[in-house]
N, C-alpha and C. Protein backbone atom coordinates (compact mmCIF):
# COMPACT_ATOMS: atom_id res chain seq x y z
N MET A 1 0.84 -1.17 0.00
CA MET A 1 0.00 0.00 0.00
C MET A 1 0.89 1.23 0.00
N ASN A 2 0.50 2.23 -0.72
CA ASN A 2 1.28 3.46 -0.85
C ASN A 2 1.01 4.37 0.35
N THR A 3 2.03 4.75 1.08
CA THR A 3 1.87 5.61 2.26
C THR A 3 2.28 7.04 1.97
N TYR A 4 2.38 7.40 0.71
CA TYR A 4 2.78 8.75 0.33
C TYR A 4 1.67 9.74 0.71
N ARG A 5 2.09 10.86 1.28
CA ARG A 5 1.13 11.90 1.67
C ARG A 5 1.51 13.19 0.98
N PHE A 6 0.51 13.92 0.57
CA PHE A 6 0.74 15.23 -0.02
C PHE A 6 1.03 16.23 1.09
N ALA A 7 2.08 16.97 0.97
CA ALA A 7 2.48 17.91 2.02
C ALA A 7 1.60 19.15 2.01
N ALA A 8 1.02 19.53 0.88
CA ALA A 8 0.25 20.76 0.78
C ALA A 8 -1.16 20.63 1.34
N TYR A 9 -1.64 19.41 1.54
CA TYR A 9 -3.02 19.21 1.99
C TYR A 9 -3.05 18.81 3.47
N PRO A 10 -4.05 19.25 4.21
CA PRO A 10 -4.13 18.86 5.63
C PRO A 10 -4.55 17.40 5.76
N SER A 11 -4.38 16.85 6.92
CA SER A 11 -4.71 15.45 7.15
C SER A 11 -6.23 15.27 7.23
N ASN A 12 -6.65 14.03 7.17
CA ASN A 12 -8.09 13.74 7.21
C ASN A 12 -8.69 14.11 8.56
N SER A 13 -7.96 13.97 9.65
CA SER A 13 -8.51 14.28 10.96
C SER A 13 -8.78 15.77 11.12
N ILE A 14 -7.96 16.61 10.51
CA ILE A 14 -8.19 18.06 10.57
C ILE A 14 -9.44 18.42 9.78
N ILE A 15 -9.63 17.81 8.64
CA ILE A 15 -10.82 18.07 7.83
C ILE A 15 -12.06 17.58 8.55
N ALA A 16 -11.98 16.38 9.14
CA ALA A 16 -13.13 15.82 9.85
C ALA A 16 -13.50 16.68 11.06
N SER A 17 -12.52 17.14 11.81
CA SER A 17 -12.83 17.98 12.96
C SER A 17 -13.36 19.34 12.53
N GLY A 18 -12.86 19.86 11.41
CA GLY A 18 -13.39 21.13 10.89
C GLY A 18 -14.83 21.03 10.47
N VAL A 19 -15.17 19.95 9.77
CA VAL A 19 -16.56 19.74 9.35
C VAL A 19 -17.46 19.54 10.57
N THR A 20 -16.99 18.80 11.56
CA THR A 20 -17.76 18.59 12.78
C THR A 20 -18.02 19.90 13.49
N MET A 21 -17.01 20.74 13.59
CA MET A 21 -17.18 22.04 14.24
C MET A 21 -18.15 22.92 13.45
N LEU A 22 -18.04 22.90 12.13
CA LEU A 22 -18.95 23.70 11.30
C LEU A 22 -20.40 23.26 11.48
N VAL A 23 -20.64 21.97 11.50
CA VAL A 23 -22.01 21.45 11.70
C VAL A 23 -22.50 21.77 13.10
N SER A 24 -21.63 21.66 14.09
CA SER A 24 -22.02 21.97 15.47
C SER A 24 -22.41 23.43 15.61
N VAL A 25 -21.64 24.32 15.01
CA VAL A 25 -21.97 25.74 15.05
C VAL A 25 -23.28 26.02 14.33
N TRP A 26 -23.50 25.34 13.21
CA TRP A 26 -24.75 25.51 12.47
C TRP A 26 -25.96 25.14 13.33
N PHE A 27 -25.89 23.99 14.01
CA PHE A 27 -27.00 23.58 14.86
C PHE A 27 -27.15 24.49 16.08
N LEU A 28 -26.06 25.01 16.60
CA LEU A 28 -26.14 25.94 17.71
C LEU A 28 -26.83 27.23 17.29
N VAL A 29 -26.51 27.74 16.12
CA VAL A 29 -27.16 28.95 15.61
C VAL A 29 -28.64 28.67 15.33
N ALA A 30 -28.95 27.52 14.75
CA ALA A 30 -30.35 27.17 14.47
C ALA A 30 -31.15 27.05 15.76
N ALA A 31 -30.55 26.43 16.80
CA ALA A 31 -31.26 26.30 18.07
C ALA A 31 -31.50 27.67 18.70
N GLY A 32 -30.53 28.56 18.60
CA GLY A 32 -30.71 29.90 19.12
C GLY A 32 -31.80 30.65 18.39
N ALA A 33 -31.87 30.46 17.06
CA ALA A 33 -32.91 31.12 16.28
C ALA A 33 -34.29 30.59 16.63
N ILE A 34 -34.39 29.29 16.86
CA ILE A 34 -35.68 28.70 17.22
C ILE A 34 -36.13 29.19 18.59
N LEU A 35 -35.19 29.23 19.54
CA LEU A 35 -35.56 29.65 20.90
C LEU A 35 -35.87 31.14 20.99
N SER A 36 -35.26 31.95 20.14
CA SER A 36 -35.51 33.39 20.20
C SER A 36 -36.70 33.82 19.36
N ASP A 37 -37.25 32.92 18.55
CA ASP A 37 -38.39 33.25 17.70
C ASP A 37 -39.64 33.42 18.55
N PRO A 38 -40.41 34.49 18.34
CA PRO A 38 -41.64 34.65 19.12
C PRO A 38 -42.67 33.59 18.73
N PRO A 39 -43.55 33.24 19.64
CA PRO A 39 -44.55 32.21 19.32
C PRO A 39 -45.52 32.70 18.25
N SER A 40 -45.90 31.79 17.39
CA SER A 40 -46.81 32.12 16.30
C SER A 40 -48.25 32.13 16.80
N PRO A 41 -49.06 33.11 16.39
CA PRO A 41 -50.47 33.09 16.81
C PRO A 41 -51.26 31.96 16.16
N TYR A 42 -50.73 31.41 15.07
CA TYR A 42 -51.45 30.35 14.36
C TYR A 42 -51.25 28.99 15.03
N THR A 43 -50.13 28.81 15.74
CA THR A 43 -49.88 27.53 16.38
C THR A 43 -50.10 27.57 17.88
N HIS A 44 -50.44 28.71 18.42
CA HIS A 44 -50.65 28.85 19.86
C HIS A 44 -52.04 28.34 20.23
N ARG A 45 -52.08 27.46 21.20
CA ARG A 45 -53.36 26.93 21.66
C ARG A 45 -53.86 27.78 22.81
N SER A 46 -55.05 28.27 22.68
CA SER A 46 -55.65 29.01 23.78
C SER A 46 -56.36 28.02 24.68
N GLU A 47 -56.33 28.29 25.96
CA GLU A 47 -56.94 27.38 26.91
C GLU A 47 -58.46 27.55 26.87
N VAL A 48 -59.14 26.43 26.76
CA VAL A 48 -60.60 26.41 26.74
C VAL A 48 -61.06 26.02 28.13
N PRO A 49 -61.95 26.79 28.72
CA PRO A 49 -62.39 26.43 30.07
C PRO A 49 -63.16 25.11 30.04
N ALA A 50 -62.93 24.32 31.05
CA ALA A 50 -63.59 23.02 31.14
C ALA A 50 -65.07 23.22 31.45
N VAL A 51 -65.90 22.49 30.73
CA VAL A 51 -67.34 22.57 30.91
C VAL A 51 -67.80 21.25 31.50
N ALA A 52 -68.63 21.33 32.50
CA ALA A 52 -69.16 20.11 33.12
C ALA A 52 -70.06 19.39 32.11
N PRO A 53 -69.94 18.07 32.00
CA PRO A 53 -70.79 17.34 31.06
C PRO A 53 -72.25 17.38 31.47
N VAL A 54 -73.11 17.48 30.48
CA VAL A 54 -74.55 17.54 30.72
C VAL A 54 -75.07 16.10 30.81
N GLN A 55 -75.82 15.80 31.85
CA GLN A 55 -76.28 14.43 32.09
C GLN A 55 -77.75 14.24 31.75
N SER A 56 -78.36 15.18 31.09
CA SER A 56 -79.79 15.04 30.82
C SER A 56 -80.04 14.24 29.54
N ALA A 57 -81.15 13.58 29.47
CA ALA A 57 -81.52 12.80 28.29
C ALA A 57 -81.86 13.71 27.13
N GLN A 58 -82.36 14.89 27.41
CA GLN A 58 -82.70 15.83 26.34
C GLN A 58 -81.44 16.30 25.62
N ALA A 59 -80.35 16.49 26.31
CA ALA A 59 -79.11 16.92 25.69
C ALA A 59 -78.57 15.82 24.77
N GLU A 60 -78.74 14.56 25.15
CA GLU A 60 -78.29 13.46 24.31
C GLU A 60 -79.13 13.36 23.04
N MET A 61 -80.41 13.67 23.12
CA MET A 61 -81.27 13.60 21.95
C MET A 61 -80.94 14.73 20.96
N GLN A 62 -80.44 15.84 21.44
CA GLN A 62 -80.11 16.95 20.55
C GLN A 62 -78.76 16.77 19.87
N SER A 63 -77.97 15.85 20.34
CA SER A 63 -76.65 15.61 19.76
C SER A 63 -76.80 15.01 18.37
N PRO A 64 -76.06 15.50 17.37
CA PRO A 64 -76.18 14.96 16.02
C PRO A 64 -75.67 13.52 15.92
N ILE A 65 -74.72 13.14 16.76
CA ILE A 65 -74.20 11.77 16.74
C ILE A 65 -74.25 11.25 18.17
N ALA A 66 -74.89 10.13 18.33
CA ALA A 66 -74.99 9.54 19.67
C ALA A 66 -73.62 9.07 20.11
N PRO A 67 -73.32 9.12 21.40
CA PRO A 67 -72.01 8.68 21.86
C PRO A 67 -71.75 7.19 21.62
N GLN A 68 -72.80 6.42 21.44
CA GLN A 68 -72.62 4.99 21.21
C GLN A 68 -72.37 4.67 19.73
N ALA A 69 -72.43 5.66 18.86
CA ALA A 69 -72.28 5.40 17.43
C ALA A 69 -70.83 5.07 17.10
N HIS A 70 -70.63 4.03 16.31
CA HIS A 70 -69.31 3.62 15.87
C HIS A 70 -69.34 3.51 14.35
N TYR A 71 -68.30 3.96 13.72
CA TYR A 71 -68.20 3.89 12.28
C TYR A 71 -67.05 2.99 11.90
N THR A 72 -67.21 2.24 10.83
CA THR A 72 -66.16 1.36 10.33
C THR A 72 -65.78 1.81 8.94
N ILE A 73 -64.49 1.95 8.71
CA ILE A 73 -63.99 2.32 7.39
C ILE A 73 -63.33 1.08 6.80
N LEU A 74 -63.77 0.66 5.63
CA LEU A 74 -63.22 -0.51 4.96
C LEU A 74 -62.43 -0.03 3.76
N VAL A 75 -61.16 -0.40 3.72
CA VAL A 75 -60.29 -0.02 2.62
C VAL A 75 -59.93 -1.29 1.88
N SER A 76 -60.14 -1.28 0.57
CA SER A 76 -59.78 -2.46 -0.23
C SER A 76 -58.94 -2.02 -1.42
N ALA A 77 -57.99 -2.86 -1.78
CA ALA A 77 -57.10 -2.56 -2.90
C ALA A 77 -56.60 -3.85 -3.51
N LYS A 78 -56.16 -3.79 -4.74
CA LYS A 78 -55.61 -4.95 -5.42
C LYS A 78 -54.09 -4.87 -5.38
N ARG A 79 -53.47 -6.03 -5.23
CA ARG A 79 -52.00 -6.10 -5.26
C ARG A 79 -51.57 -6.46 -6.66
N SER A 80 -50.44 -5.88 -7.04
CA SER A 80 -49.92 -6.22 -8.36
C SER A 80 -49.21 -7.58 -8.30
N ALA A 81 -49.07 -8.21 -9.44
CA ALA A 81 -48.48 -9.55 -9.50
C ALA A 81 -46.96 -9.51 -9.41
N THR A 82 -46.36 -8.34 -9.52
CA THR A 82 -44.89 -8.29 -9.52
C THR A 82 -44.31 -8.22 -8.16
């Protein structure tokens, strides 16, 4: 095996550590940008006050879907021969 090294080029370990440092700095800057970004009004959840459940039979009759209703979705497809 040829052990000749080019004198003008840095070693592989210097290049690897340089790339590692560059990527680490990139993620550090990205994390700082994410943490300093103000919260978006579109993704912010507002707290909804808890409402006591209504136990009357009349309230159940007015509901468009009864709580006991269950729906089944059937998906069918053909497989190719290959």
